[in-house]
Protein backbone atom coordinates (compact mmCIF):
# COMPACT_ATOMS: atom_id res chain seq x y z
CA MET A 1 14.96 20.68 -7.06
CA SER A 2 13.75 21.04 -3.48
CA LEU A 3 10.48 22.86 -2.70
CA SER A 4 8.56 23.42 0.48
CA ALA A 5 5.36 21.42 0.41
CA SER A 6 3.34 24.46 1.47
CA ASP A 7 4.69 26.47 -1.48
CA ALA A 8 4.05 23.59 -3.86
CA ILE A 9 0.45 23.26 -2.65
CA GLU A 10 -0.12 26.99 -3.12
CA ARG A 11 1.34 27.00 -6.63
CA CYS A 12 -0.47 23.85 -7.73
CA THR A 13 -3.73 25.27 -6.40
CA ALA A 14 -3.17 28.48 -8.37
CA LEU A 15 -2.52 26.57 -11.61
CA LEU A 16 -5.68 24.52 -11.20
CA GLU A 17 -7.74 27.62 -10.41
CA LYS A 18 -6.39 29.30 -13.55
CA VAL A 19 -7.85 26.54 -15.71
CA GLY A 20 -11.25 26.82 -14.04
CA VAL A 21 -11.22 24.51 -11.02
CA PRO A 22 -12.99 26.12 -8.02
CA ASN A 23 -10.68 27.03 -5.13
CA GLY A 24 -11.81 24.35 -2.68
CA ASN A 25 -11.54 21.55 -5.23
CA ALA A 26 -8.25 22.91 -6.55
CA ASN A 27 -6.76 23.02 -3.06
CA ALA A 28 -7.95 19.51 -2.16
CA THR A 29 -6.46 18.22 -5.41
CA ALA A 30 -3.16 20.05 -4.87
CA ARG A 31 -2.88 18.68 -1.33
CA ALA A 32 -3.40 15.12 -2.54
CA ILE A 33 -0.83 15.55 -5.30
CA VAL A 34 1.84 17.10 -3.09
CA LEU A 35 1.26 14.61 -0.26
CA SER A 36 2.31 11.86 -2.65
CA ASP A 37 5.62 13.67 -3.16
CA VAL A 38 6.02 14.13 0.60
CA TRP A 39 5.68 10.37 0.91
CA GLY A 40 8.43 9.90 -1.69
CA ASN A 41 5.96 8.66 -4.29
CA ALA A 42 6.91 11.11 -7.03
CA SER A 43 5.21 9.03 -9.74
CA HIS A 44 1.82 10.19 -8.39
CA GLY A 45 2.91 13.66 -7.29
CA VAL A 46 3.36 17.01 -9.05
CA MET A 47 4.76 15.12 -12.05
CA ARG A 48 1.12 14.42 -12.93
CA LEU A 49 -0.13 18.00 -12.75
CA PRO A 50 0.86 19.00 -16.32
CA PHE A 51 -1.15 16.00 -17.59
CA TYR A 52 -4.19 17.11 -15.59
CA LEU A 53 -3.87 20.70 -16.80
CA LYS A 54 -3.62 19.57 -20.41
CA ARG A 55 -6.65 17.32 -20.07
CA ILE A 56 -8.67 20.14 -18.48
CA THR A 57 -7.80 22.60 -21.25
CA MET A 58 -8.56 20.00 -23.93
CA GLY A 59 -11.91 19.04 -22.42
CA GLY A 60 -10.99 15.59 -21.08
CA VAL A 61 -11.62 16.77 -17.50
CA ASN A 62 -14.54 18.96 -16.45
CA ALA A 63 -12.99 21.70 -14.28
CA GLY A 64 -16.34 22.82 -12.88
CA ALA A 65 -17.74 19.36 -12.16
CA ASN A 66 -19.91 18.64 -9.15
CA LEU A 67 -20.28 15.38 -7.26
CA LYS A 68 -23.90 14.50 -7.99
CA THR A 69 -25.88 12.00 -5.94
CA ILE A 70 -27.39 9.31 -8.17
CA SER A 71 -28.95 7.28 -5.38
CA GLU A 72 -28.76 6.98 -1.61
CA ARG A 73 -30.23 4.08 0.32
CA GLY A 74 -29.20 3.42 3.89
CA ALA A 75 -25.46 2.77 4.05
CA ILE A 76 -24.98 2.88 0.27
CA THR A 77 -24.41 6.02 -1.78
CA SER A 78 -23.87 6.22 -5.55
CA LEU A 79 -22.28 9.37 -6.99
CA ASP A 80 -21.59 10.79 -10.45
CA GLY A 81 -18.35 12.76 -10.77
CA GLU A 82 -19.40 14.57 -13.98
CA ASP A 83 -15.89 13.95 -15.42
CA GLY A 84 -14.17 16.01 -12.72
CA LEU A 85 -10.77 15.56 -11.11
CA GLY A 86 -10.61 12.34 -9.11
CA HIS A 87 -8.60 13.69 -6.16
CA TRP A 88 -11.16 15.98 -4.56
CA GLN A 89 -14.01 13.66 -5.54
CA LEU A 90 -12.53 10.60 -3.83
CA TRP A 91 -11.60 12.67 -0.76
CA GLU A 92 -15.23 13.81 -0.50
CA ALA A 93 -16.50 10.27 -1.07
CA ALA A 94 -14.23 9.03 1.74
CA ASN A 95 -15.70 11.61 4.11
CA ILE A 96 -19.23 10.63 3.15
CA GLY A 97 -18.24 7.03 3.88
CA VAL A 98 -17.09 7.98 7.38
CA GLN A 99 -20.38 9.69 8.23
CA LYS A 100 -22.41 6.80 6.85
CA ALA A 101 -20.34 4.26 8.80
CA LYS A 102 -20.92 6.22 12.00
CA GLU A 103 -24.64 5.87 11.36
CA PHE A 104 -24.83 2.32 10.02
CA GLY A 105 -21.60 0.66 11.17
CA ILE A 106 -20.53 0.07 7.57
CA SER A 107 -20.90 2.03 4.34
CA LEU A 108 -20.20 1.84 0.64
CA VAL A 109 -19.76 4.91 -1.56
CA SER A 110 -19.20 4.56 -5.30
CA VAL A 111 -18.22 7.27 -7.77
CA LYS A 112 -18.46 6.87 -11.53
CA ASN A 113 -17.54 9.27 -14.35
CA SER A 114 -14.50 10.53 -12.45
CA SER A 115 -10.81 10.82 -13.35
CA HIS A 116 -7.41 9.69 -12.10
CA CYS A 117 -7.06 10.27 -8.35
CA GLY A 118 -3.34 9.76 -7.66
CA ALA A 119 -2.13 7.68 -4.71
CA LEU A 120 -5.04 5.76 -3.17
CA GLY A 121 -3.50 5.79 0.31
CA VAL A 122 -4.25 9.51 0.59
CA TYR A 123 -7.98 8.81 0.91
CA LEU A 124 -7.69 6.42 3.85
CA TYR A 125 -7.16 9.22 6.35
CA PRO A 126 -10.76 10.40 6.86
CA ALA A 127 -11.58 6.88 8.10
CA LEU A 128 -8.34 6.45 10.06
CA ASP A 129 -8.89 9.77 11.85
CA ALA A 130 -12.37 8.52 12.82
CA GLY A 131 -11.00 5.22 14.12
CA GLN A 132 -12.50 3.34 11.17
CA ILE A 133 -11.28 0.85 8.59
CA ALA A 134 -11.35 1.85 4.92
CA LEU A 135 -11.01 -0.21 1.74
CA ILE A 136 -10.63 1.69 -1.54
CA PHE A 137 -10.64 0.47 -5.13
CA THR A 138 -10.30 2.31 -8.44
CA ASN A 139 -9.73 1.54 -12.11
CA GLY A 140 -8.01 3.24 -15.04
CA PRO A 141 -6.90 2.59 -18.61
CA ALA A 142 -6.33 -1.07 -19.45
CA VAL A 143 -2.64 -2.01 -19.25
CA MET A 144 -2.63 -5.49 -17.68
CA PRO A 145 -3.43 -8.68 -19.63
CA ALA A 146 -4.71 -11.94 -18.27
CA VAL A 147 -1.90 -14.44 -17.69
CA GLY A 148 -1.13 -15.79 -21.15
CA GLY A 149 -3.27 -13.08 -22.78
CA ASN A 150 -2.14 -10.86 -25.63
CA ALA A 151 -4.24 -7.75 -24.96
CA PRO A 152 -4.67 -5.48 -21.91
CA LEU A 153 -7.92 -5.99 -20.00
CA LEU A 154 -7.41 -4.41 -16.57
CA SER A 155 -5.80 -1.25 -15.23
CA THR A 156 -3.04 -1.40 -12.62
CA SER A 157 -6.06 -2.08 -10.38
CA PRO A 158 -4.79 -0.51 -7.14
CA ILE A 159 -6.03 -1.41 -3.68
CA ALA A 160 -5.76 0.64 -0.49
CA ALA A 161 -6.69 -0.38 3.03
CA GLY A 162 -6.31 1.52 6.29
CA ILE A 163 -6.41 -0.16 9.71
CA PRO A 164 -6.72 2.16 12.76
CA ALA A 165 -3.84 0.75 14.81
CA LYS A 166 -1.11 2.72 16.58
CA PRO A 167 0.61 3.44 14.25
CA PRO A 168 -2.01 3.08 11.48
CA MET A 169 -1.42 0.15 9.14
CA ILE A 170 -1.70 1.34 5.54
CA ILE A 171 -1.77 -0.99 2.55
CA ASP A 172 -1.48 0.84 -0.78
CA LEU A 173 -0.46 -1.14 -3.85
CA SER A 174 -1.18 -1.91 -7.47
CA THR A 175 -2.02 -5.43 -8.53
CA SER A 176 0.26 -5.05 -11.54
CA ALA A 177 3.96 -5.76 -11.05
CA VAL A 178 4.55 -2.01 -10.71
CA ALA A 179 2.51 1.18 -10.64
CA ARG A 180 2.37 2.70 -14.10
CA GLY A 181 3.38 6.07 -12.70
CA LYS A 182 6.84 4.68 -11.94
CA ILE A 183 7.25 3.83 -15.60
CA ALA A 184 6.02 7.32 -16.54
CA ALA A 185 8.60 8.86 -14.21
CA ALA A 186 11.36 6.77 -15.81
CA ALA A 187 10.11 7.71 -19.28
CA LYS A 188 10.21 11.40 -18.32
CA SER A 189 13.91 11.12 -17.55
CA GLY A 190 14.63 8.96 -20.60
CA GLY A 191 15.49 5.95 -18.46
CA THR A 192 15.01 2.21 -18.50
CA ILE A 193 13.00 -0.13 -16.29
CA PRO A 194 13.81 -3.56 -14.83
CA GLU A 195 12.90 -6.71 -16.70
CA GLY A 196 9.58 -8.20 -15.66
CA TRP A 197 7.70 -4.90 -15.30
CA ALA A 198 6.31 -4.62 -18.83
CA VAL A 199 5.80 -6.79 -21.90
CA ASP A 200 4.72 -6.35 -25.50
CA ARG A 201 1.81 -8.18 -27.16
CA GLN A 202 4.08 -11.13 -27.92
CA GLY A 203 4.97 -11.44 -24.24
CA LYS A 204 8.52 -10.17 -24.69
CA THR A 205 10.02 -8.04 -21.91
CA ILE A 206 10.27 -4.27 -22.50
CA THR A 207 12.98 -2.30 -20.67
CA ASP A 208 12.74 1.04 -22.53
CA ALA A 209 10.50 3.15 -20.28
CA LYS A 210 8.89 5.17 -23.10
CA GLU A 211 8.03 2.01 -25.01
CA ALA A 212 6.81 0.33 -21.83
CA LEU A 213 4.43 3.21 -21.10
CA MET A 214 2.45 2.19 -24.18
CA GLY A 215 2.96 -1.54 -23.59
CA MET A 216 1.39 -3.95 -21.08
CA LEU A 217 2.21 -4.41 -17.41
CA ALA A 218 2.72 -7.85 -15.93
CA PRO A 219 0.34 -8.87 -13.11
CA LEU A 220 1.85 -8.91 -9.61
CA GLY A 221 2.59 -12.55 -8.81
CA GLY A 222 1.21 -13.83 -12.10
CA ALA A 223 -2.29 -15.34 -11.97
CA LYS A 224 -2.84 -14.25 -8.35
CA GLY A 225 -2.20 -10.61 -9.25
CA PHE A 226 -4.58 -10.79 -12.18
CA ALA A 227 -7.26 -12.35 -9.96
CA LEU A 228 -6.90 -9.52 -7.44
CA GLY A 229 -7.03 -7.00 -10.28
CA LEU A 230 -10.23 -8.62 -11.54
CA MET A 231 -11.73 -8.15 -8.08
CA VAL A 232 -10.75 -4.47 -8.10
CA GLU A 233 -12.28 -3.96 -11.55
CA SER A 234 -15.50 -5.62 -10.41
CA LEU A 235 -15.72 -3.57 -7.21
CA SER A 236 -15.00 -0.25 -8.95
CA SER A 237 -16.24 0.06 -12.52
CA GLY A 238 -18.36 -3.09 -12.40
CA LEU A 239 -20.19 -2.05 -9.25
CA SER A 240 -20.71 1.59 -10.20
CA GLY A 241 -21.78 0.99 -13.79
CA GLY A 242 -18.88 3.15 -14.99
CA ALA A 243 -16.46 2.57 -17.85
CA LEU A 244 -14.56 -0.71 -17.82
CA SER A 245 -10.79 -0.30 -18.04
CA THR A 246 -10.82 -1.31 -21.71
CA GLU A 247 -12.99 1.77 -22.31
CA VAL A 248 -10.95 4.30 -20.26
CA PRO A 249 -8.89 6.84 -22.24
CA ASP A 250 -5.19 7.00 -21.37
CA MET A 251 -3.89 10.20 -19.73
CA PHE A 252 -0.41 9.45 -21.10
CA ASN A 253 -1.69 9.35 -24.69
CA PRO A 254 -2.01 12.90 -26.10
CA ASP A 255 -4.64 11.67 -28.57
CA ASP A 256 -6.92 10.98 -25.58
CA ASP A 257 -6.60 14.39 -23.93
CA SER A 258 -10.07 15.52 -25.02
CA LYS A 259 -11.79 12.30 -23.92
CA PRO A 260 -13.28 11.99 -20.41
CA GLN A 261 -11.89 8.94 -18.65
CA GLY A 262 -15.04 7.76 -16.86
CA ILE A 263 -12.99 6.24 -14.05
CA SER A 264 -14.76 4.67 -11.04
CA HIS A 265 -13.84 4.66 -7.34
CA THR A 266 -15.36 2.66 -4.49
CA VAL A 267 -14.88 3.27 -0.77
CA ILE A 268 -15.99 0.72 1.84
CA THR A 269 -15.81 2.02 5.42
CA ILE A 270 -16.24 -0.03 8.60
CA ASP A 271 -16.68 1.24 12.15
CA PRO A 272 -15.13 -1.42 14.46
CA SER A 273 -16.83 0.07 17.52
CA ASP A 274 -20.14 -1.30 16.20
CA LEU A 275 -18.87 -4.85 16.70
CA GLY A 276 -19.40 -4.67 20.45
CA ASP A 277 -16.35 -3.44 22.36
CA SER A 278 -12.80 -2.13 22.05
CA ALA A 279 -11.27 -5.57 21.48
CA SER A 280 -10.78 -4.86 17.78
CA TYR A 281 -8.56 -1.85 18.44
CA ALA A 282 -6.51 -3.84 20.96
CA ASP A 283 -5.97 -6.55 18.37
CA PHE A 284 -5.04 -4.02 15.69
CA ASN A 285 -2.41 -2.58 18.04
CA LYS A 286 -1.21 -6.08 18.91
CA LEU A 287 -0.78 -6.90 15.23
CA ALA A 288 1.26 -3.73 14.67
CA SER A 289 3.40 -4.51 17.73
CA GLN A 290 4.01 -8.08 16.61
CA ILE A 291 5.26 -6.86 13.25
CA LYS A 292 7.82 -4.63 14.96
CA GLU A 293 8.77 -7.22 17.58
CA THR A 294 9.61 -9.76 14.89
CA GLY A 295 11.86 -7.31 13.04
CA GLY A 296 9.35 -6.15 10.42
CA ARG A 297 8.12 -2.74 9.37
CA VAL A 298 4.50 -1.74 9.85
CA PRO A 299 3.16 -0.82 6.38
CA GLY A 300 2.62 2.93 6.19
CA ALA A 301 4.10 3.65 9.63
CA LYS A 302 6.41 6.32 8.25
CA ARG A 303 3.79 8.08 6.16
CA ILE A 304 3.23 11.71 7.00
CA HIS A 305 -0.35 12.60 7.96
CA PRO A 306 -2.05 14.89 5.39
CA ASN A 307 -2.44 17.60 8.04
CA GLU A 308 1.34 17.67 8.56
CA ALA A 309 2.41 17.64 4.91
CA GLU A 310 2.97 21.39 4.69
CA ASN A 311 5.77 21.18 7.25
CA HIS A 312 7.93 19.12 4.88
CA GLU A 313 9.87 19.54 1.64
CA ILE A 314 9.59 17.66 -1.63
CA THR A 315 12.12 16.93 -4.35
CA VAL A 316 10.97 17.49 -7.92
CA ALA A 317 12.88 16.43 -11.05
CA GLU A 318 14.16 19.26 -13.23
CA ALA A 319 12.18 17.99 -16.23
CA VAL A 320 8.99 18.25 -14.16
CA ILE A 321 9.90 21.75 -12.96
CA LYS A 322 10.33 22.78 -16.59
CA ASP A 323 6.85 21.50 -17.46
CA LEU A 324 5.33 23.26 -14.45
CA ASN A 325 7.10 26.51 -15.34
CA ASP A 326 5.88 26.25 -18.94
CA TRP A 327 2.32 26.05 -17.62
CA SER A 328 2.95 28.88 -15.15
CA ASN A 329 4.19 31.12 -17.95
CA LYS A 330 1.27 30.14 -20.17
CA LEU A 331 -1.22 30.98 -17.42
CA GLY A 332 0.48 34.16 -16.20
CA LEU A 333 1.72 32.78 -12.87
CA PRO A 334 5.17 32.93 -11.20
CA ASN A 335 7.62 30.12 -11.92
CA PHE A 336 8.22 27.30 -9.49
CA SER A 337 11.97 28.00 -9.48
């Protein structure tokens, strides 16, 4: 089903407000969710909203959470998300990072006791709009084993990086073989997944998407992917003092709906202008040009800016529309269709 992004944002905001999320936080969350769909990344889009709503109503997410400052020293800020939605919290943390980087040249903002935040690439734009570099790390429920291991230790351990070239270069990827949301999307439609994405505890490949959702994900590139994931875990939950991935409840497991996830996010922001002159920006642009000149595609070049998302349409699976309409009816709101 096709929906205008502006209508989807309005309806998602209304649903979140109905379960107690303040308007500003609800709108920021809805924008992040819908932007993922605009980018064609449905696995982190409105498909996730019913899970968030369920977790809020069951107590696993604190609808009225604030972003509380734990400590602030120079360029470093530590925040407590009070078990709130990760989307608006990471967006706010990214903006704090921009202001700190303007003052100090570089900044680090960590958030602990937060929740799932969707597509990490969304939160690069405050820095990109300021002409800054951003690096973002987050964790989640453990789904990825060490190479040769028989138990999950790390989350999909995603990494995002934004480089202020023209066009911006955007790196946004999981260090597992695939983002777990893609498996969730396949499970929603009753589909299968390719071999090599997921394995069971005996190391055997799983192709049934529903079974894979509760299985383990292979590291991207084997040992190298696990090593990168270990770095992400260390720079998110390890650095913030939040829950390690082995301690994070799973949003796809109904038995965990009442349990706060305790997810951690870290944003590192760098202002290249503090390195002396404009040579950095010229080199960023040169890199982007060289990619195109050699027949490649600049990562993220086709991504729609968050401020332009409302001018586009999104496609939502019928099964997801049904779930959204069920919640709309439950909360006394108009249907999506």
